[in-house]
Each structure stands twice: as structure tokens, then as C-alpha cells.
């Protein structure tokens, strides 16, 4: 692992000037070293001191608090929070998408049976639920998370009126993105209010009947002002032929989603309510609500190196994010020195900095640029010789 420490140290010596965190004196910082030790409740006087620390003691992982504290070095219950950025975490690991997971490898911890793709709920051989997964990272994972970032940005802008200048997007350095609201009234919310916002973004717990009106002739209309209802209706409208309902109700759905009112019997109304609940979930952003509600959360320092990929946790503008390619743009570790590694798990063909590597099989020994060797070792697919 010494080669990893040297590569990380080389990065921070060259790129410490790109590290940026606002309100440094009010943040808690945490670092996980190459020795496995976690150091937290750390504070710095200013950005310069933080950068010097990263150069002198380059960590495997580097984090800072979304909260601002009066006493950032105190124990958690004594920190005296001031406010906290509203953080949304989008990670393709949670999506269970076949294309994203096609090269992931899972292994039963009880019987040793292995397989590829999405992790099963239980081992097909022994029935154990104790299954480890070695996730792979590919272009499909990134494209999926980009779609979710777009949903989230649209909701924050159009439904919550958040100034785009107060929204920060960053690549996590691994399988997803972070979106943070850094200023404004949303940063003063407590945990329960943050949970409600997360559920709203996800379409979770949506009750369509609250957004239906009935006129004096018994005709039902849908209230489009609610963002979740509007998203669900837009999704329904885009695929009327795919909705599994009776032809009569399908016609009424077309009428309703065009903004007009119709009469529905009790069975049709139940079917419509269930459909809207399903579409609300499908149209919602796939985020980790527990991250959003946690005001004590620590998140990756922008432009630091992720210790599971060797990629930079890059800060991105809205324009950058649209064209961002982590396999080129986020590769931060140097190519030199070249490193010889021994492959321990199957490695599919992968692309870094425009060059293709692999495929490799267990037992293969290959010489790779430093950043490619680091990627395989940090992903748990190889070891240095």
C-alpha cells in the first residue's frame, strides 16, 4: 500500500490549491488514514491551514461537516450548531440497475458461493442473507446518477425557489453525486423538516386524494400546483399506452392529465390513486433520505481524493456536470511511477484518461500507470506486488 500513499501525497502537493471549503473555522473535519485510524473533531483556523494539513498528512479519505458550529472540536452534543447545509446524496449503489451492476461480484460469507450482477436477497446455494458485494463502476452508473441530479435540481429551482447560485454540485469520487443547498432558509431547518423535504423529492408518502377536487356535479380534477402530482401526471401522460387499466379509464386518464375534469366511480378512483402513487415514486429523485435529514453529517472535502477509486471528489458547475466524465476528468493521481499489480478478482475492460485497460483475470500480473493500478487496488480487484 506504500505506493498508494506516495501517489496521494503527490496529488496533494500538486493540487492542494484546488481544495476549497467555505467557513473553515466553523467546520468539523474528519480524516481516515492509510493506517485505518479515524481522526475527527478537528478544526482549522483557515483554508491555508487545511491545505497544509493535507500536504503534510495526506489521508485516504477526507471529510468536513455540513453543519457550522460554534465549537467544532467539542464532542457532538456540545458543538453548538449554527446552521447546516441541506445535503442530498445520490449513489447508484442504491439503484439495483442491471447495467450498472453487471460487473459487480457478490460472495456469500457463509458458503463462499459467488455470482455477478445485482446482489440477491439470499444466497441461492445455502439461503444465507450474509452477502458481500464488490461493486464495479462504469459509465452506466454515472449516467443514471446524472439523471437523478437533474430531477433534484429542477425541484429545488422550480418548486422550492432555491437560487441556483446557492446550490453546489459535486462528484463524490465514486458512484454518484452530492447536491448541497449552501445558503438560505433551508439551511436552518431541523431534522424532521429535512426528512419531509427528502420524502417530497422522492415522491414517498404521497397521498393523491389530497390534490383532487370534486365539483358539485361529481367531476374530479387534479391539482397541478403540487410538484409531486405534476411530476406523476407528466410521467403518466408520457406513456398512456403502457398503463394497465381498462380502456374506459385510460380515456378518462387522458382527459384528467390534460387538465380537464371527469366523473370516476369508486373503483376507478381507487385505481387512479394507486397509479398516481406509483408514478410519484417513479418520477421522484433517488436520494438517501437519511443523509438529507442528518445535520451532523460529514461529507467529502471538494477536490479531495476518494479512497475507494483514487478519483477526485470534484466540485462542478451546472454546465460542467452535464458533460462531466469521471473516467477522464476526475482522474487525479499521477501516471508515474508505473506499478505492477496482481489481479485478485475478474476485471472488465475499463477506460481511464482515454486509454482502455483489461480485461484481466485472477492471477494476471500487469504493469499499469499509477492511477490505473490505484483504481484496481482501491476497488479490491488487485494487489500490488
Protein backbone atom coordinates (compact mmCIF):
# COMPACT_ATOMS: atom_id res chain seq x y z
CA UNK A 1 0.00 0.00 0.00
CA UNK A 2 3.03 2.28 0.19
CA UNK A 3 2.64 3.17 -3.47
CA UNK A 4 -0.87 4.50 -2.74
CA UNK A 5 0.41 6.78 0.00
CA UNK A 6 3.06 8.13 -2.35
CA UNK A 7 0.51 8.76 -5.11
CA UNK A 8 -1.90 10.52 -2.73
CA UNK A 9 0.93 12.62 -1.31
CA UNK A 10 1.99 13.60 -4.82
CA UNK A 11 -1.56 14.70 -5.63
CA UNK A 12 -1.98 16.88 -2.54
CA UNK A 13 1.42 18.51 -3.01
CA UNK A 14 0.48 19.47 -6.56
CA UNK A 15 -3.24 20.18 -6.13
CA UNK A 16 -3.74 21.47 -2.58
CA UNK A 17 -4.57 24.87 -4.05
CA UNK A 18 -7.77 23.43 -5.57
CA UNK A 19 -9.12 22.37 -2.16
CA UNK A 20 -11.87 24.76 -1.13
CA UNK A 21 -14.22 24.71 1.85
CA UNK A 22 -16.20 27.76 2.99
CA UNK A 23 -16.40 28.82 6.66
CA UNK A 24 -13.42 26.63 7.57
CA UNK A 25 -13.14 27.72 11.25
CA UNK A 26 -16.77 26.69 11.89
CA UNK A 27 -16.49 23.19 10.40
CA UNK A 28 -15.58 19.87 11.92
CA UNK A 29 -13.11 17.85 9.84
CA UNK A 30 -12.50 14.11 9.83
CA UNK A 31 -9.79 12.05 8.17
CA UNK A 32 -9.23 8.34 7.70
CA UNK A 33 -5.58 7.47 7.27
CA UNK A 34 -3.87 4.68 5.39
CA UNK A 35 -3.36 3.06 8.79
CA UNK A 36 -7.14 2.72 9.15
CA UNK A 37 -7.33 5.19 12.03
CA UNK A 38 -10.08 7.82 12.07
CA UNK A 39 -9.25 11.31 13.30
CA UNK A 40 -12.23 13.61 13.85
CA UNK A 41 -13.42 16.66 15.83
CA UNK A 42 -10.59 18.53 14.10
CA UNK A 43 -10.77 22.24 13.30
CA UNK A 44 -8.59 24.61 11.27
CA UNK A 45 -8.14 28.36 11.57
CA UNK A 46 -8.39 28.92 7.84
CA UNK A 47 -8.24 27.32 4.40
CA UNK A 48 -4.46 27.64 4.24
CA UNK A 49 -4.04 25.56 7.39
CA UNK A 50 -6.36 22.86 5.99
CA UNK A 51 -4.36 22.69 2.76
CA UNK A 52 -1.08 22.42 4.67
CA UNK A 53 -2.50 19.55 6.72
CA UNK A 54 -3.49 17.64 3.57
CA UNK A 55 0.01 18.09 2.17
CA UNK A 56 1.76 17.03 5.37
CA UNK A 57 -0.57 14.14 6.29
CA UNK A 58 -2.33 13.01 3.10
CA UNK A 59 -5.39 10.94 4.09
CA UNK A 60 -7.12 8.03 2.41
CA UNK A 61 -10.46 9.82 2.95
CA UNK A 62 -11.12 13.47 3.87
CA UNK A 63 -14.43 14.84 5.18
CA UNK A 64 -15.96 18.02 6.57
CA UNK A 65 -19.24 18.77 8.34
CA UNK A 66 -22.30 20.13 6.56
CA UNK A 67 -23.03 21.99 9.80
CA UNK A 68 -21.38 25.14 11.05
CA UNK A 69 -20.58 25.02 14.77
CA UNK A 70 -19.57 27.47 17.46
CA UNK A 71 -17.37 24.74 18.98
CA UNK A 72 -16.40 22.38 16.13
CA UNK A 73 -13.76 20.48 18.15
CA UNK A 74 -16.13 19.67 21.03
CA UNK A 75 -17.94 16.32 21.42
CA UNK A 76 -21.05 16.04 19.23
CA UNK A 77 -23.54 17.03 21.93
CA UNK A 78 -21.51 20.14 22.82
CA UNK A 79 -20.69 21.57 19.38
CA UNK A 80 -23.48 24.23 19.42
CA UNK A 81 -24.71 24.12 15.79
CA UNK A 82 -25.41 27.37 13.95
CA UNK A 83 -26.90 26.08 10.69
CA UNK A 84 -26.36 23.20 8.27
CA UNK A 85 -26.20 22.88 4.51
CA UNK A 86 -29.01 20.76 3.06
CA UNK A 87 -27.26 17.71 1.59
CA UNK A 88 -28.65 15.25 -0.96
CA UNK A 89 -26.75 12.05 -1.68
CA UNK A 90 -27.28 10.22 -4.99
CA UNK A 91 -25.48 6.88 -5.22
CA UNK A 92 -26.00 4.31 -7.98
CA UNK A 93 -25.29 1.54 -5.46
CA UNK A 94 -28.88 2.07 -4.26
CA UNK A 95 -30.44 1.74 -7.73
CA UNK A 96 -30.09 -2.02 -8.29
CA UNK A 97 -29.69 -1.44 -12.01
CA UNK A 98 -28.54 -4.43 -14.07
CA UNK A 99 -26.39 -2.38 -16.43
CA UNK A 100 -24.64 -0.60 -13.60
CA UNK A 101 -24.10 -3.80 -11.61
CA UNK A 102 -23.25 -6.20 -14.46
CA UNK A 103 -19.58 -6.41 -13.44
CA UNK A 104 -20.15 -6.28 -9.68
CA UNK A 105 -19.21 -9.51 -7.87
CA UNK A 106 -21.05 -10.82 -4.82
CA UNK A 107 -19.98 -13.57 -2.43
CA UNK A 108 -21.85 -15.47 0.27
CA UNK A 109 -20.00 -15.07 3.57
CA UNK A 110 -21.23 -18.45 4.83
CA UNK A 111 -20.70 -20.90 1.96
CA UNK A 112 -18.44 -18.90 -0.37
CA UNK A 113 -20.77 -19.10 -3.38
CA UNK A 114 -20.18 -16.21 -5.80
CA UNK A 115 -22.04 -14.56 -8.63
CA UNK A 116 -22.21 -11.42 -10.76
CA UNK A 117 -24.70 -8.61 -11.09
CA UNK A 118 -27.28 -7.39 -8.60
CA UNK A 119 -26.84 -8.92 -5.17
CA UNK A 120 -29.57 -11.49 -4.41
CA UNK A 121 -31.59 -11.12 -1.22
CA UNK A 122 -30.25 -14.51 -0.13
CA UNK A 123 -27.61 -16.96 -1.30
CA UNK A 124 -29.09 -19.26 -3.98
CA UNK A 125 -26.95 -22.12 -2.65
CA UNK A 126 -27.30 -22.00 1.15
CA UNK A 127 -30.02 -19.39 1.75
CA UNK A 128 -27.81 -17.10 3.84
CA UNK A 129 -28.53 -13.37 3.77
CA UNK A 130 -24.90 -12.57 4.66
CA UNK A 131 -23.62 -11.49 1.25
CA UNK A 132 -20.71 -9.18 0.47
CA UNK A 133 -20.54 -7.19 -2.77
CA UNK A 134 -17.56 -5.81 -4.64
CA UNK A 135 -19.21 -3.08 -6.70
CA UNK A 136 -17.78 -2.03 -10.05
CA UNK A 137 -18.03 1.45 -11.51
CA UNK A 138 -18.96 2.05 -15.15
CA UNK A 139 -20.46 4.68 -17.45
CA UNK A 140 -23.99 3.39 -16.86
CA UNK A 141 -23.70 4.09 -13.12
CA UNK A 142 -22.71 7.69 -13.81
CA UNK A 143 -25.40 8.34 -16.45
CA UNK A 144 -28.10 7.08 -14.07
CA UNK A 145 -26.99 9.34 -11.24
CA UNK A 146 -26.79 12.33 -13.58
CA UNK A 147 -30.49 11.89 -14.39
CA UNK A 148 -31.31 11.98 -10.69
CA UNK A 149 -29.24 15.13 -10.18
CA UNK A 150 -31.27 16.79 -12.93
CA UNK A 151 -34.56 15.84 -11.22
CA UNK A 152 -33.29 17.22 -7.94
CA UNK A 153 -32.04 20.46 -9.47
CA UNK A 154 -35.38 21.01 -11.23
CA UNK A 155 -37.31 20.54 -7.97
CA UNK A 156 -35.03 22.84 -5.97
CA UNK A 157 -35.24 25.53 -8.64
CA UNK A 158 -38.88 25.33 -9.76
CA UNK A 159 -40.68 24.06 -6.65
CA UNK A 160 -38.58 25.44 -3.78
CA UNK A 161 -37.31 28.59 -5.47
CA UNK A 162 -33.71 27.99 -4.44
CA UNK A 163 -31.25 30.32 -6.14
CA UNK A 164 -29.03 28.22 -8.40
CA UNK A 165 -26.03 30.14 -7.05
CA UNK A 166 -26.81 28.65 -3.63
CA UNK A 167 -26.64 25.07 -4.95
CA UNK A 168 -23.35 23.18 -5.11
CA UNK A 169 -22.92 20.01 -7.17
CA UNK A 170 -20.00 17.68 -6.60
CA UNK A 171 -18.99 14.28 -7.86
CA UNK A 172 -18.44 12.01 -4.87
CA UNK A 173 -15.35 10.41 -6.38
CA UNK A 174 -17.12 7.07 -6.65
CA UNK A 175 -20.61 6.04 -7.82
CA UNK A 176 -22.63 9.23 -7.54
CA UNK A 177 -23.06 12.90 -6.76
CA UNK A 178 -23.75 15.22 -3.86
CA UNK A 179 -26.03 18.24 -4.19
CA UNK A 180 -25.90 20.82 -1.40
CA UNK A 181 -28.02 23.89 -0.68
CA UNK A 182 -25.42 26.15 0.91
CA UNK A 183 -27.36 29.32 1.73
CA UNK A 184 -30.88 30.47 2.53
CA UNK A 185 -33.74 29.42 4.82
CA UNK A 186 -33.44 25.69 4.04
CA UNK A 187 -30.12 25.62 5.91
CA UNK A 188 -31.91 26.48 9.16
CA UNK A 189 -34.28 23.50 9.07
CA UNK A 190 -34.26 20.74 11.68
CA UNK A 191 -34.03 17.01 11.06
CA UNK A 192 -37.75 16.32 10.66
CA UNK A 193 -38.25 19.16 8.17
CA UNK A 194 -35.29 17.85 6.17
CA UNK A 195 -36.79 14.37 6.17
CA UNK A 196 -40.06 15.78 4.82
CA UNK A 197 -38.20 17.56 2.02
CA UNK A 198 -36.36 14.35 1.16
CA UNK A 199 -39.63 12.39 1.04
CA UNK A 200 -41.16 15.08 -1.16
CA UNK A 201 -38.24 14.87 -3.58
CA UNK A 202 -38.57 11.08 -3.64
CA UNK A 203 -42.36 11.09 -4.05
CA UNK A 204 -42.51 8.96 -0.92
CA UNK A 205 -45.66 9.04 1.21
CA UNK A 206 -47.55 10.97 -1.47
CA UNK A 207 -51.34 10.97 -0.98
CA UNK A 208 -53.03 11.85 -4.31
CA UNK A 209 -56.50 12.30 -2.80
CA UNK A 210 -55.27 15.48 -1.09
CA UNK A 211 -54.74 17.01 -4.52
CA UNK A 212 -58.04 16.09 -6.15
CA UNK A 213 -61.12 18.31 -6.19
CA UNK A 214 -64.74 17.31 -6.77
CA UNK A 215 -67.21 19.85 -8.19
CA UNK A 216 -70.95 19.99 -7.48
CA UNK A 217 -71.59 17.62 -10.39
CA UNK A 218 -69.26 14.95 -9.03
CA UNK A 219 -66.49 15.55 -11.55
CA UNK A 220 -62.90 15.13 -10.38
CA UNK A 221 -59.99 17.40 -11.27
CA UNK A 222 -56.32 17.10 -10.37
CA UNK A 223 -54.48 19.99 -8.74
CA UNK A 224 -51.34 20.60 -10.75
CA UNK A 225 -49.82 23.10 -8.31
CA UNK A 226 -48.26 20.33 -6.24
CA UNK A 227 -44.88 19.36 -7.66
CA UNK A 228 -45.20 15.65 -6.89
CA UNK A 229 -48.64 15.48 -8.52
CA UNK A 230 -47.37 17.36 -11.55
CA UNK A 231 -44.39 15.02 -11.95
CA UNK A 232 -46.62 11.95 -11.61
CA UNK A 233 -49.07 13.30 -14.19
CA UNK A 234 -46.29 14.16 -16.63
CA UNK A 235 -44.94 10.62 -16.34
CA UNK A 236 -48.41 9.14 -16.83
CA UNK A 237 -49.06 11.39 -19.82
CA UNK A 238 -45.82 10.29 -21.47
CA UNK A 239 -46.86 6.62 -21.57
CA UNK A 240 -50.68 6.28 -21.66
CA UNK A 241 -50.39 3.12 -23.78
CA UNK A 242 -48.39 1.40 -21.02
CA UNK A 243 -50.90 1.96 -18.23
CA UNK A 244 -52.63 -1.31 -17.36
CA UNK A 245 -56.20 -0.15 -16.82
CA UNK A 246 -59.49 -0.57 -18.63
CA UNK A 247 -59.90 1.26 -21.96
CA UNK A 248 -62.60 3.46 -20.40
CA UNK A 249 -60.36 4.55 -17.51
CA UNK A 250 -57.49 5.05 -19.95
CA UNK A 251 -59.61 7.57 -21.87
CA UNK A 252 -60.50 9.31 -18.62
CA UNK A 253 -56.82 9.42 -17.67
CA UNK A 254 -56.04 11.25 -20.90
CA UNK A 255 -58.77 13.76 -20.07
CA UNK A 256 -57.56 14.24 -16.49
CA UNK A 257 -53.91 14.63 -17.39
CA UNK A 258 -54.82 17.29 -19.95
CA UNK A 259 -56.24 19.40 -17.11
CA UNK A 260 -59.95 18.68 -17.57
CA UNK A 261 -62.39 17.08 -15.12
CA UNK A 262 -64.15 13.70 -15.40
CA UNK A 263 -66.54 11.52 -13.43
CA UNK A 264 -64.99 8.46 -11.79
CA UNK A 265 -66.73 5.65 -9.96
CA UNK A 266 -65.22 4.37 -6.70
CA UNK A 267 -63.25 1.58 -8.41
CA UNK A 268 -61.80 3.96 -10.99
CA UNK A 269 -60.90 6.44 -8.28
CA UNK A 270 -59.01 3.78 -6.31
CA UNK A 271 -57.18 2.69 -9.46
CA UNK A 272 -56.24 6.29 -10.26
CA UNK A 273 -55.00 6.90 -6.71
CA UNK A 274 -52.79 3.80 -6.83
CA UNK A 275 -51.44 4.76 -10.25
CA UNK A 276 -50.52 8.25 -9.09
CA UNK A 277 -48.75 6.86 -6.00
CA UNK A 278 -46.69 4.53 -8.21
CA UNK A 279 -45.81 7.27 -10.70
CA UNK A 280 -44.91 9.67 -7.90
CA UNK A 281 -42.28 7.20 -6.71
CA UNK A 282 -41.01 6.55 -10.24
CA UNK A 283 -40.72 10.26 -11.03
CA UNK A 284 -39.08 11.17 -7.72
CA UNK A 285 -35.34 11.61 -7.25
CA UNK A 286 -33.49 8.56 -5.93
CA UNK A 287 -31.76 10.00 -2.88
CA UNK A 288 -30.74 8.69 0.54
CA UNK A 289 -33.21 10.43 2.84
CA UNK A 290 -31.24 9.52 5.96
CA UNK A 291 -28.29 11.55 4.67
CA UNK A 292 -30.51 14.57 4.00
CA UNK A 293 -32.05 14.64 7.48
CA UNK A 294 -28.71 14.22 9.28
CA UNK A 295 -27.48 17.69 10.30
CA UNK A 296 -24.39 16.11 11.87
CA UNK A 297 -23.36 14.56 8.57
CA UNK A 298 -19.81 14.65 7.27
CA UNK A 299 -19.28 14.82 3.52
CA UNK A 300 -16.24 14.65 1.27
CA UNK A 301 -13.99 17.66 1.00
CA UNK A 302 -14.37 19.01 -2.56
CA UNK A 303 -11.40 18.12 -4.78
CA UNK A 304 -10.01 15.63 -2.26
CA UNK A 305 -9.22 12.07 -3.37
CA UNK A 306 -11.72 9.26 -2.79
CA UNK A 307 -10.07 6.32 -1.08
CA UNK A 308 -12.06 3.68 -2.99
CA UNK A 309 -11.23 4.86 -6.51
CA UNK A 310 -8.36 7.33 -6.47
CA UNK A 311 -10.71 9.78 -8.24
CA UNK A 312 -11.16 13.42 -7.27
CA UNK A 313 -14.37 14.41 -5.48
CA UNK A 314 -14.77 17.26 -7.94
CA UNK A 315 -16.80 20.43 -7.48
CA UNK A 316 -18.87 21.01 -10.63
CA UNK A 317 -20.87 23.83 -12.13
CA UNK A 318 -24.26 23.03 -13.65
CA UNK A 319 -22.67 23.25 -17.10
CA UNK A 320 -19.71 21.07 -16.06
CA UNK A 321 -21.92 18.36 -14.64
CA UNK A 322 -23.80 17.88 -17.92
CA UNK A 323 -20.64 16.87 -19.81
CA UNK A 324 -18.62 15.55 -16.88
CA UNK A 325 -16.79 12.26 -17.46
CA UNK A 326 -15.20 10.96 -14.24
CA UNK A 327 -13.11 8.40 -16.10
CA UNK A 328 -11.27 11.31 -17.70
CA UNK A 329 -12.00 14.46 -15.70
CA UNK A 330 -11.75 13.05 -12.16
CA UNK A 331 -8.55 11.03 -12.53
CA UNK A 332 -6.24 12.97 -10.25
CA UNK A 333 -3.43 10.61 -9.32
CA UNK A 334 -0.24 10.68 -11.41
CA UNK A 335 0.75 8.07 -14.01
CA UNK A 336 4.26 7.74 -12.61
CA UNK A 337 5.58 5.61 -11.17
CA UNK A 338 4.22 2.64 -13.09
CA UNK A 339 3.06 -0.09 -10.68
CA UNK A 340 2.92 -3.86 -11.06
CA UNK A 341 -0.25 -5.43 -9.66
CA UNK A 342 -1.59 -8.95 -9.29
CA UNK A 343 -5.27 -9.29 -10.17
CA UNK A 344 -7.39 -10.99 -7.48
CA UNK A 345 -10.90 -10.69 -8.97
CA UNK A 346 -12.12 -10.52 -12.57
CA UNK A 347 -11.65 -7.05 -14.07
CA UNK A 348 -13.71 -5.99 -17.11
CA UNK A 349 -12.35 -3.61 -19.73
CA UNK A 350 -12.24 -0.11 -18.24
CA UNK A 351 -11.24 3.31 -19.53
CA UNK A 352 -9.16 5.94 -17.74
CA UNK A 353 -7.82 9.13 -19.32
CA UNK A 354 -8.89 7.89 -22.75
CA UNK A 355 -6.92 4.63 -22.53
CA UNK A 356 -8.53 1.19 -22.28
CA UNK A 357 -7.24 -1.40 -19.82
CA UNK A 358 -8.16 -5.06 -19.34
CA UNK A 359 -9.93 -7.34 -19.25
CA UNK A 360 -7.89 -9.17 -16.61
CA UNK A 361 -8.38 -12.46 -14.77
CA UNK A 362 -7.33 -13.52 -11.26
CA UNK A 363 -3.62 -14.30 -11.21
CA UNK A 364 -2.72 -11.91 -14.04
CA UNK A 365 0.24 -9.66 -13.28
CA UNK A 366 0.29 -6.37 -15.18
CA UNK A 367 2.25 -3.13 -15.16
CA UNK A 368 -0.09 -0.15 -15.07
CA UNK A 369 0.11 3.65 -14.78
CA UNK A 370 -0.07 4.69 -11.14
CA UNK A 371 -3.67 5.93 -11.36
CA UNK A 372 -4.90 2.70 -13.04
CA UNK A 373 -3.08 0.49 -10.53
CA UNK A 374 -4.54 2.54 -7.68
CA UNK A 375 -8.05 2.20 -9.14
CA UNK A 376 -7.85 -1.61 -9.21
CA UNK A 377 -6.27 -1.92 -5.77
CA UNK A 378 -8.72 0.52 -4.16
CA UNK A 379 -11.66 -1.28 -5.83
CA UNK A 380 -10.46 -4.51 -4.24
CA UNK A 381 -9.73 -6.18 -7.57
CA UNK A 382 -5.92 -6.33 -7.36
CA UNK A 383 -2.96 -6.04 -5.01
CA UNK A 384 0.46 -4.52 -5.53
CA UNK A 385 3.33 -6.97 -5.91
